[in-house]
PDB file of N, CA and C in Angstrom:
ATOM      1  N   MET A   1      25.248 109.331 170.495  1.00  0.00           N
ATOM      2  CA  MET A   1      25.107 109.769 169.190  1.00  0.00           C
ATOM      3  C   MET A   1      24.568 111.096 168.801  1.00  0.00           C
ATOM      4  N   GLU A   2      25.113 111.752 167.956  1.00  0.00           N
ATOM      5  CA  GLU A   2      24.669 112.896 167.466  1.00  0.00           C
ATOM      6  C   GLU A   2      23.594 113.004 166.562  1.00  0.00           C
ATOM      7  N   THR A   3      22.660 113.741 166.651  1.00  0.00           N
ATOM      8  CA  THR A   3      21.401 113.691 165.678  1.00  0.00           C
ATOM      9  C   THR A   3      21.349 115.161 164.899  1.00  0.00           C
ATOM     10  N   LEU A   4      20.645 115.085 163.789  1.00  0.00           N
ATOM     11  CA  LEU A   4      20.494 116.294 162.955  1.00  0.00           C
ATOM     12  C   LEU A   4      19.081 116.343 162.699  1.00  0.00           C
ATOM     13  N   ILE A   5      18.553 117.494 162.601  1.00  0.00           N
ATOM     14  CA  ILE A   5      17.147 117.634 162.170  1.00  0.00           C
ATOM     15  C   ILE A   5      17.282 118.133 160.640  1.00  0.00           C
ATOM     16  N   LEU A   6      16.489 117.298 159.896  1.00  0.00           N
ATOM     17  CA  LEU A   6      16.425 117.360 158.495  1.00  0.00           C
ATOM     18  C   LEU A   6      15.087 118.383 158.047  1.00  0.00           C
ATOM     19  N   LYS A   7      15.376 118.523 156.857  1.00  0.00           N
ATOM     20  CA  LYS A   7      14.498 119.626 156.120  1.00  0.00           C
ATOM     21  C   LYS A   7      13.031 119.215 156.204  1.00  0.00           C
ATOM     22  N   ASN A   8      12.792 117.857 156.208  1.00  0.00           N
ATOM     23  CA  ASN A   8      11.374 117.293 156.408  1.00  0.00           C
ATOM     24  C   ASN A   8      10.838 117.277 157.820  1.00  0.00           C
ATOM     25  N   GLY A   9      11.851 117.860 158.896  1.00  0.00           N
ATOM     26  CA  GLY A   9      11.338 117.789 160.186  1.00  0.00           C
ATOM     27  C   GLY A   9      11.858 116.554 160.922  1.00  0.00           C
ATOM     28  N   ALA A  10      12.383 115.468 160.228  1.00  0.00           N
ATOM     29  CA  ALA A  10      12.616 114.383 160.911  1.00  0.00           C
ATOM     30  C   ALA A  10      14.033 114.468 161.625  1.00  0.00           C
ATOM     31  N   GLU A  11      14.433 113.763 162.515  1.00  0.00           N
ATOM     32  CA  GLU A  11      15.567 113.682 163.286  1.00  0.00           C
ATOM     33  C   GLU A  11      16.203 112.368 162.928  1.00  0.00           C
ATOM     34  N   GLU A  12      17.579 112.400 162.351  1.00  0.00           N
ATOM     35  CA  GLU A  12      18.353 111.259 162.196  1.00  0.00           C
ATOM     36  C   GLU A  12      19.635 111.269 162.739  1.00  0.00           C
ATOM     37  N   VAL A  13      20.288 110.097 162.786  1.00  0.00           N
ATOM     38  CA  VAL A  13      21.739 110.111 163.278  1.00  0.00           C
ATOM     39  C   VAL A  13      22.602 110.578 162.400  1.00  0.00           C
ATOM     40  N   GLU A  14      23.381 111.451 162.957  1.00  0.00           N
ATOM     41  CA  GLU A  14      24.435 112.228 161.726  1.00  0.00           C
ATOM     42  C   GLU A  14      25.148 111.269 161.083  1.00  0.00           C
ATOM     43  N   SER A  15      25.735 110.216 161.412  1.00  0.00           N
ATOM     44  CA  SER A  15      26.539 109.182 160.774  1.00  0.00           C
ATOM     45  C   SER A  15      25.803 108.688 159.687  1.00  0.00           C
ATOM     46  N   LEU A  16      24.496 108.356 159.798  1.00  0.00           N
ATOM     47  CA  LEU A  16      23.739 107.856 158.947  1.00  0.00           C
ATOM     48  C   LEU A  16      23.388 108.724 157.764  1.00  0.00           C
ATOM     49  N   VAL A  17      23.066 110.035 158.159  1.00  0.00           N
ATOM     50  CA  VAL A  17      22.946 110.874 157.067  1.00  0.00           C
ATOM     51  C   VAL A  17      24.317 111.293 156.309  1.00  0.00           C
ATOM     52  N   ARG A  18      25.415 111.096 156.889  1.00  0.00           N
ATOM     53  CA  ARG A  18      26.636 111.320 156.108  1.00  0.00           C
ATOM     54  C   ARG A  18      26.676 110.190 155.106  1.00  0.00           C
ATOM     55  N   GLY A  19      26.474 109.146 155.546  1.00  0.00           N
ATOM     56  CA  GLY A  19      26.821 107.697 154.965  1.00  0.00           C
ATOM     57  C   GLY A  19      25.694 107.931 153.763  1.00  0.00           C
ATOM     58  N   ILE A  20      24.579 107.916 154.139  1.00  0.00           N
ATOM     59  CA  ILE A  20      23.356 108.059 152.804  1.00  0.00           C
ATOM     60  C   ILE A  20      23.905 109.080 151.965  1.00  0.00           C
ATOM     61  N   MET A  21      24.195 110.336 152.354  1.00  0.00           N
ATOM     62  CA  MET A  21      24.347 111.324 151.371  1.00  0.00           C
ATOM     63  C   MET A  21      25.751 110.982 150.477  1.00  0.00           C
ATOM     64  N   TRP A  22      26.772 110.241 151.160  1.00  0.00           N
ATOM     65  CA  TRP A  22      27.800 109.827 150.210  1.00  0.00           C
ATOM     66  C   TRP A  22      27.356 108.730 149.181  1.00  0.00           C
ATOM     67  N   VAL A  23      26.402 107.754 149.514  1.00  0.00           N
ATOM     68  CA  VAL A  23      25.968 107.049 148.661  1.00  0.00           C
ATOM     69  C   VAL A  23      25.045 107.719 147.603  1.00  0.00           C
ATOM     70  N   LEU A  24      24.207 108.626 147.901  1.00  0.00           N
ATOM     71  CA  LEU A  24      23.567 109.365 146.915  1.00  0.00           C
ATOM     72  C   LEU A  24      24.289 110.231 145.820  1.00  0.00           C
ATOM     73  N   ARG A  25      25.427 110.686 146.512  1.00  0.00           N
ATOM     74  CA  ARG A  25      26.349 111.527 145.541  1.00  0.00           C
ATOM     75  C   ARG A  25      26.658 110.562 144.485  1.00  0.00           C
ATOM     76  N   THR A  26      27.316 109.392 144.876  1.00  0.00           N
ATOM     77  CA  THR A  26      27.913 108.186 144.061  1.00  0.00           C
ATOM     78  C   THR A  26      26.888 107.925 143.170  1.00  0.00           C
ATOM     79  N   LEU A  27      25.527 107.574 143.617  1.00  0.00           N
ATOM     80  CA  LEU A  27      24.505 107.087 142.594  1.00  0.00           C
ATOM     81  C   LEU A  27      24.366 108.149 141.444  1.00  0.00           C
ATOM     82  N   ILE A  28      24.141 109.610 142.071  1.00  0.00           N
ATOM     83  CA  ILE A  28      23.776 110.603 141.069  1.00  0.00           C
ATOM     84  C   ILE A  28      24.758 110.871 139.791  1.00  0.00           C
ATOM     85  N   ASP A  29      26.193 110.508 140.373  1.00  0.00           N
ATOM     86  CA  ASP A  29      27.155 110.749 139.367  1.00  0.00           C
ATOM     87  C   ASP A  29      27.264 109.449 138.545  1.00  0.00           C
ATOM     88  N   LYS A  30      27.246 108.328 139.022  1.00  0.00           N
ATOM     89  CA  LYS A  30      27.665 107.105 138.284  1.00  0.00           C
ATOM     90  C   LYS A  30      26.606 106.263 137.948  1.00  0.00           C
ATOM     91  N   GLN A  31      25.480 106.332 138.679  1.00  0.00           N
ATOM     92  CA  GLN A  31      23.999 105.386 138.333  1.00  0.00           C
ATOM     93  C   GLN A  31      23.085 106.336 138.550  1.00  0.00           C
ATOM     94  N   PRO A  32      22.868 107.278 137.577  1.00  0.00           N
ATOM     95  CA  PRO A  32      21.745 108.220 137.689  1.00  0.00           C
ATOM     96  C   PRO A  32      20.229 107.302 137.697  1.00  0.00           C
ATOM     97  N   GLY A  33      20.203 106.339 137.000  1.00  0.00           N
ATOM     98  CA  GLY A  33      18.923 105.522 136.787  1.00  0.00           C
ATOM     99  C   GLY A  33      18.516 105.002 138.275  1.00  0.00           C
ATOM    100  N   LEU A  34      19.479 104.356 139.123  1.00  0.00           N
ATOM    101  CA  LEU A  34      19.328 103.906 140.311  1.00  0.00           C
ATOM    102  C   LEU A  34      18.964 105.068 141.159  1.00  0.00           C
ATOM    103  N   PHE A  35      19.337 106.220 141.009  1.00  0.00           N
ATOM    104  CA  PHE A  35      19.336 107.523 142.029  1.00  0.00           C
ATOM    105  C   PHE A  35      17.740 107.778 141.796  1.00  0.00           C
ATOM    106  N   TYR A  36      17.524 107.918 140.615  1.00  0.00           N
ATOM    107  CA  TYR A  36      16.194 108.365 140.156  1.00  0.00           C
ATOM    108  C   TYR A  36      14.943 107.523 140.517  1.00  0.00           C
ATOM    109  N   GLU A  37      15.273 106.151 140.440  1.00  0.00           N
ATOM    110  CA  GLU A  37      14.329 105.068 140.882  1.00  0.00           C
ATOM    111  C   GLU A  37      14.266 105.159 142.479  1.00  0.00           C
ATOM    112  N   LEU A  38      15.086 105.346 143.154  1.00  0.00           N
ATOM    113  CA  LEU A  38      15.358 105.417 144.502  1.00  0.00           C
ATOM    114  C   LEU A  38      14.463 106.563 144.931  1.00  0.00           C
ATOM    115  N   VAL A  39      14.659 107.588 144.297  1.00  0.00           N
ATOM    116  CA  VAL A  39      13.884 109.106 144.803  1.00  0.00           C
ATOM    117  C   VAL A  39      12.469 108.746 144.518  1.00  0.00           C
ATOM    118  N   MET A  40      12.055 108.194 143.316  1.00  0.00           N
ATOM    119  CA  MET A  40      10.736 107.848 143.136  1.00  0.00           C
ATOM    120  C   MET A  40      10.004 107.128 144.246  1.00  0.00           C
ATOM    121  N   LYS A  41      10.720 106.205 144.519  1.00  0.00           N
ATOM    122  CA  LYS A  41      10.362 105.213 145.472  1.00  0.00           C
ATOM    123  C   LYS A  41      10.113 105.989 146.874  1.00  0.00           C
ATOM    124  N   CYS A  42      10.917 106.797 147.112  1.00  0.00           N
ATOM    125  CA  CYS A  42      10.766 107.712 148.452  1.00  0.00           C
ATOM    126  C   CYS A  42       9.617 108.540 148.283  1.00  0.00           C
ATOM    127  N   ARG A  43       9.410 109.182 147.125  1.00  0.00           N
ATOM    128  CA  ARG A  43       8.305 110.048 147.006  1.00  0.00           C
ATOM    129  C   ARG A  43       6.840 109.526 146.802  1.00  0.00           C
ATOM    130  N   ASP A  44       6.922 108.172 146.406  1.00  0.00           N
ATOM    131  CA  ASP A  44       5.660 107.623 146.179  1.00  0.00           C
ATOM    132  C   ASP A  44       6.023 106.102 146.547  1.00  0.00           C
ATOM    133  N   ARG A  45       5.364 105.721 147.844  1.00  0.00           N
ATOM    134  CA  ARG A  45       5.602 104.255 148.231  1.00  0.00           C
ATOM    135  C   ARG A  45       4.893 103.304 147.341  1.00  0.00           C
ATOM    136  N   GLN A  46       3.868 103.661 146.335  1.00  0.00           N
ATOM    137  CA  GLN A  46       3.494 102.764 145.561  1.00  0.00           C
ATOM    138  C   GLN A  46       4.264 102.701 144.235  1.00  0.00           C
ATOM    139  N   HIS A  47       5.246 103.360 144.049  1.00  0.00           N
ATOM    140  CA  HIS A  47       6.025 103.354 142.716  1.00  0.00           C
ATOM    141  C   HIS A  47       6.549 101.972 142.485  1.00  0.00           C
ATOM    142  N   ARG A  48       6.600 101.491 141.371  1.00  0.00           N
ATOM    143  CA  ARG A  48       7.175 100.209 140.939  1.00  0.00           C
ATOM    144  C   ARG A  48       8.273 100.477 140.279  1.00  0.00           C
ATOM    145  N   PHE A  49       9.401  99.744 140.749  1.00  0.00           N
ATOM    146  CA  PHE A  49      10.818  99.829 140.233  1.00  0.00           C
ATOM    147  C   PHE A  49      10.620  99.446 138.724  1.00  0.00           C
ATOM    148  N   TRP A  50      11.565  99.917 138.085  1.00  0.00           N
ATOM    149  CA  TRP A  50      11.738  99.582 136.691  1.00  0.00           C
ATOM    150  C   TRP A  50      12.943  98.425 136.556  1.00  0.00           C
ATOM    151  N   GLY A  51      12.574  97.417 135.847  1.00  0.00           N
ATOM    152  CA  GLY A  51      13.668  96.416 135.548  1.00  0.00           C
ATOM    153  C   GLY A  51      14.203  95.827 136.775  1.00  0.00           C
ATOM    154  N   ASP A  52      15.726  95.886 136.794  1.00  0.00           N
ATOM    155  CA  ASP A  52      16.279  95.073 138.141  1.00  0.00           C
ATOM    156  C   ASP A  52      16.461  96.048 139.273  1.00  0.00           C
ATOM    157  N   THR A  53      16.213  97.429 139.122  1.00  0.00           N
ATOM    158  CA  THR A  53      16.630  98.341 140.035  1.00  0.00           C
ATOM    159  C   THR A  53      16.304  97.905 141.513  1.00  0.00           C
ATOM    160  N   GLU A  54      15.122  97.221 141.716  1.00  0.00           N
ATOM    161  CA  GLU A  54      14.923  97.034 142.993  1.00  0.00           C
ATOM    162  C   GLU A  54      15.851  96.064 143.542  1.00  0.00           C
ATOM    163  N   GLU A  55      16.223  95.190 143.012  1.00  0.00           N
ATOM    164  CA  GLU A  55      17.305  94.138 143.469  1.00  0.00           C
ATOM    165  C   GLU A  55      18.728  94.824 143.654  1.00  0.00           C
ATOM    166  N   ARG A  56      18.996  95.627 142.570  1.00  0.00           N
ATOM    167  CA  ARG A  56      20.238  96.367 142.580  1.00  0.00           C
ATOM    168  C   ARG A  56      20.323  97.375 143.887  1.00  0.00           C
ATOM    169  N   LEU A  57      19.242  98.078 144.168  1.00  0.00           N
ATOM    170  CA  LEU A  57      19.209  98.999 145.389  1.00  0.00           C
ATOM    171  C   LEU A  57      18.915  97.891 146.603  1.00  0.00           C
ATOM    172  N   GLN A  58      18.433  96.633 146.698  1.00  0.00           N
ATOM    173  CA  GLN A  58      18.435  96.184 147.710  1.00  0.00           C
ATOM    174  C   GLN A  58      19.965  95.615 148.043  1.00  0.00           C
ATOM    175  N   ARG A  59      20.996  95.321 147.115  1.00  0.00           N
ATOM    176  CA  ARG A  59      22.143  95.073 147.118  1.00  0.00           C
ATOM    177  C   ARG A  59      22.946  96.017 147.974  1.00  0.00           C
ATOM    178  N   LEU A  60      22.342  97.269 147.770  1.00  0.00           N
ATOM    179  CA  LEU A  60      23.346  98.621 148.251  1.00  0.00           C
ATOM    180  C   LEU A  60      22.595  98.788 149.596  1.00  0.00           C
ATOM    181  N   LYS A  61      21.584  97.990 150.220  1.00  0.00           N
ATOM    182  CA  LYS A  61      20.954  98.180 151.371  1.00  0.00           C
ATOM    183  C   LYS A  61      20.022  99.458 151.448  1.00  0.00           C
ATOM    184  N   LEU A  62      19.604  99.912 150.288  1.00  0.00           N
ATOM    185  CA  LEU A  62      18.748 101.051 150.294  1.00  0.00           C
ATOM    186  C   LEU A  62      17.277 100.739 150.097  1.00  0.00           C
ATOM    187  N   VAL A  63      17.075  99.486 149.835  1.00  0.00           N
ATOM    188  CA  VAL A  63      15.811  99.070 149.875  1.00  0.00           C
ATOM    189  C   VAL A  63      15.566  98.003 150.641  1.00  0.00           C
ATOM    190  N   GLU A  64      14.582  97.745 151.374  1.00  0.00           N
ATOM    191  CA  GLU A  64      14.345  96.339 152.219  1.00  0.00           C
ATOM    192  C   GLU A  64      14.112  95.161 151.132  1.00  0.00           C
ATOM    193  N   ALA A  65      14.044  94.070 151.829  1.00  0.00           N
ATOM    194  CA  ALA A  65      13.892  92.899 151.322  1.00  0.00           C
ATOM    195  C   ALA A  65      12.258  92.922 150.619  1.00  0.00           C
ATOM    196  N   ASN A  66      11.397  93.621 151.293  1.00  0.00           N
ATOM    197  CA  ASN A  66       9.981  93.591 150.953  1.00  0.00           C
ATOM    198  C   ASN A  66       9.685  94.699 149.743  1.00  0.00           C
ATOM    199  N   GLY A  67      10.776  95.363 149.397  1.00  0.00           N
ATOM    200  CA  GLY A  67      10.733  96.551 148.480  1.00  0.00           C
ATOM    201  C   GLY A  67      10.496  97.986 148.967  1.00  0.00           C
ATOM    202  N   ASP A  68      10.409  97.775 150.192  1.00  0.00           N
ATOM    203  CA  ASP A  68      10.215  99.327 150.842  1.00  0.00           C
ATOM    204  C   ASP A  68      11.464  99.834 150.988  1.00  0.00           C
ATOM    205  N   VAL A  69      11.474 101.259 151.388  1.00  0.00           N
ATOM    206  CA  VAL A  69      12.564 102.061 151.705  1.00  0.00           C
ATOM    207  C   VAL A  69      12.463 102.335 153.303  1.00  0.00           C
ATOM    208  N   HIS A  70      13.558 102.143 153.919  1.00  0.00           N
ATOM    209  CA  HIS A  70      13.448 102.274 155.436  1.00  0.00           C
ATOM    210  C   HIS A  70      13.122 103.724 155.529  1.00  0.00           C
ATOM    211  N   ASP A  71      12.443 104.159 156.547  1.00  0.00           N
ATOM    212  CA  ASP A  71      12.092 105.474 156.924  1.00  0.00           C
ATOM    213  C   ASP A  71      13.012 106.507 157.024  1.00  0.00           C
ATOM    214  N   SER A  72      14.286 106.088 157.799  1.00  0.00           N
ATOM    215  CA  SER A  72      15.329 107.213 157.795  1.00  0.00           C
ATOM    216  C   SER A  72      15.978 107.365 156.542  1.00  0.00           C
ATOM    217  N   ILE A  73      16.092 106.554 155.611  1.00  0.00           N
ATOM    218  CA  ILE A  73      16.579 106.816 154.384  1.00  0.00           C
ATOM    219  C   ILE A  73      15.639 107.472 153.597  1.00  0.00           C
ATOM    220  N   ARG A  74      14.202 107.255 153.605  1.00  0.00           N
ATOM    221  CA  ARG A  74      13.252 108.046 152.862  1.00  0.00           C
ATOM    222  C   ARG A  74      13.526 109.429 153.234  1.00  0.00           C
ATOM    223  N   ASN A  75      13.413 109.794 154.619  1.00  0.00           N
ATOM    224  CA  ASN A  75      13.572 111.122 155.416  1.00  0.00           C
ATOM    225  C   ASN A  75      14.832 111.949 154.702  1.00  0.00           C
ATOM    226  N   ILE A  76      16.210 111.150 154.659  1.00  0.00           N
ATOM    227  CA  ILE A  76      17.296 111.720 154.206  1.00  0.00           C
ATOM    228  C   ILE A  76      16.951 112.325 152.627  1.00  0.00           C
ATOM    229  N   VAL A  77      16.647 111.206 151.749  1.00  0.00           N
ATOM    230  CA  VAL A  77      16.372 111.424 150.347  1.00  0.00           C
ATOM    231  C   VAL A  77      15.372 112.510 150.286  1.00  0.00           C
ATOM    232  N   LEU A  78      14.201 112.577 150.858  1.00  0.00           N
ATOM    233  CA  LEU A  78      13.124 113.514 150.736  1.00  0.00           C
ATOM    234  C   LEU A  78      13.715 114.941 151.116  1.00  0.00           C
ATOM    235  N   SER A  79      14.577 114.974 152.072  1.00  0.00           N
ATOM    236  CA  SER A  79      15.365 116.272 152.571  1.00  0.00           C
ATOM    237  C   SER A  79      16.297 116.750 151.498  1.00  0.00           C
ATOM    238  N   ALA A  80      17.018 115.956 151.037  1.00  0.00           N
ATOM    239  CA  ALA A  80      18.033 116.261 150.143  1.00  0.00           C
ATOM    240  C   ALA A  80      17.925 116.415 148.476  1.00  0.00           C
ATOM    241  N   VAL A  81      17.028 115.827 148.044  1.00  0.00           N
ATOM    242  CA  VAL A  81      16.694 115.992 146.588  1.00  0.00           C
ATOM    243  C   VAL A  81      15.725 116.984 146.441  1.00  0.00           C
ATOM    244  N   THR A  82      15.957 117.830 145.452  1.00  0.00           N
ATOM    245  CA  THR A  82      15.167 118.790 144.707  1.00  0.00           C
ATOM    246  C   THR A  82      15.044 118.501 143.367  1.00  0.00           C
ATOM    247  N   GLY A  83      13.911 119.079 142.656  1.00  0.00           N
ATOM    248  CA  GLY A  83      13.725 118.811 141.242  1.00  0.00           C
ATOM    249  C   GLY A  83      13.103 117.730 140.881  1.00  0.00           C
ATOM    250  N   ASP A  84      12.733 117.625 139.602  1.00  0.00           N
ATOM    251  CA  ASP A  84      11.917 116.536 139.306  1.00  0.00           C
ATOM    252  C   ASP A  84      12.631 115.825 138.109  1.00  0.00           C
ATOM    253  N   GLU A  85      12.198 114.755 137.595  1.00  0.00           N
ATOM    254  CA  GLU A  85      12.663 113.850 136.481  1.00  0.00           C
ATOM    255  C   GLU A  85      14.100 114.034 136.564  1.00  0.00           C
ATOM    256  N   TRP A  86      14.604 114.260 135.470  1.00  0.00           N
ATOM    257  CA  TRP A  86      16.205 114.424 135.159  1.00  0.00           C
ATOM    258  C   TRP A  86      16.946 115.553 135.616  1.00  0.00           C
ATOM    259  N   GLU A  87      16.073 116.357 136.226  1.00  0.00           N
ATOM    260  CA  GLU A  87      16.552 117.641 136.812  1.00  0.00           C
ATOM    261  C   GLU A  87      16.776 117.697 138.189  1.00  0.00           C
ATOM    262  N   MET A  88      16.841 116.510 138.625  1.00  0.00           N
ATOM    263  CA  MET A  88      16.958 116.398 140.111  1.00  0.00           C
ATOM    264  C   MET A  88      18.404 116.923 140.651  1.00  0.00           C
ATOM    265  N   GLU A  89      18.381 117.418 142.009  1.00  0.00           N
ATOM    266  CA  GLU A  89      19.695 117.803 142.281  1.00  0.00           C
ATOM    267  C   GLU A  89      19.791 117.509 143.915  1.00  0.00           C
ATOM    268  N   LEU A  90      21.083 117.463 144.350  1.00  0.00           N
ATOM    269  CA  LEU A  90      21.156 117.007 145.793  1.00  0.00           C
ATOM    270  C   LEU A  90      21.721 118.281 146.488  1.00  0.00           C
ATOM    271  N   ALA A  91      21.107 118.375 147.581  1.00  0.00           N
ATOM    272  CA  ALA A  91      21.762 119.482 148.513  1.00  0.00           C
ATOM    273  C   ALA A  91      21.620 119.022 150.019  1.00  0.00           C
ATOM    274  N   SER A  92      22.301 119.804 150.817  1.00  0.00           N
ATOM    275  CA  SER A  92      22.421 119.466 152.214  1.00  0.00           C
ATOM    276  C   SER A  92      20.805 119.182 152.602  1.00  0.00           C
ATOM    277  N   PRO A  93      20.565 117.716 153.145  1.00  0.00           N
ATOM    278  CA  PRO A  93      19.369 117.572 153.771  1.00  0.00           C
ATOM    279  C   PRO A  93      19.073 118.261 155.263  1.00  0.00           C
ATOM    280  N   VAL A  94      20.075 119.042 155.680  1.00  0.00           N
ATOM    281  CA  VAL A  94      19.992 119.331 157.193  1.00  0.00           C
ATOM    282  C   VAL A  94      19.405 120.732 157.193  1.00  0.00           C
ATOM    283  N   VAL A  95      18.601 120.985 158.026  1.00  0.00           N
ATOM    284  CA  VAL A  95      18.000 122.346 158.396  1.00  0.00           C
ATOM    285  C   VAL A  95      19.209 123.351 158.737  1.00  0.00           C
ATOM    286  N   ASP A  96      19.300 124.387 158.082  1.00  0.00           N
ATOM    287  CA  ASP A  96      20.307 125.543 158.078  1.00  0.00           C
ATOM    288  C   ASP A  96      20.264 126.040 159.717  1.00  0.00           C
ATOM    289  N   SER A  97      20.914 126.143 160.596  1.00  0.00           N
ATOM    290  CA  SER A  97      21.106 126.539 161.790  1.00  0.00           C
ATOM    291  C   SER A  97      21.310 128.144 161.927  1.00  0.00           C
ATOM    292  N   ALA A  98      21.404 128.748 160.867  1.00  0.00           N
ATOM    293  CA  ALA A  98      21.624 130.101 160.864  1.00  0.00           C
ATOM    294  C   ALA A  98      20.416 130.732 161.404  1.00  0.00           C
TER     295      ALA A  98
END
């Protein structure tokens, strides 16, 4: 399995990074509230989800049954998302090899 080095220094399996990035792009475009809540939870483990977002993110397998975000997903989100509040943007989570 190929691995990639992320901007936060973590090493993750390439297929997982690609899959999570696809989901993040879909969320930011179609369900920005879910995207926002996921990012907030990744940035602050004590963040409390708003409304039914925890259950919705669990159905997407982005949040575990106990409400935590798996470390690999957290690494990808933290490496890919820049900005705050509704000015968040997605970029490649991978360290530039240039």
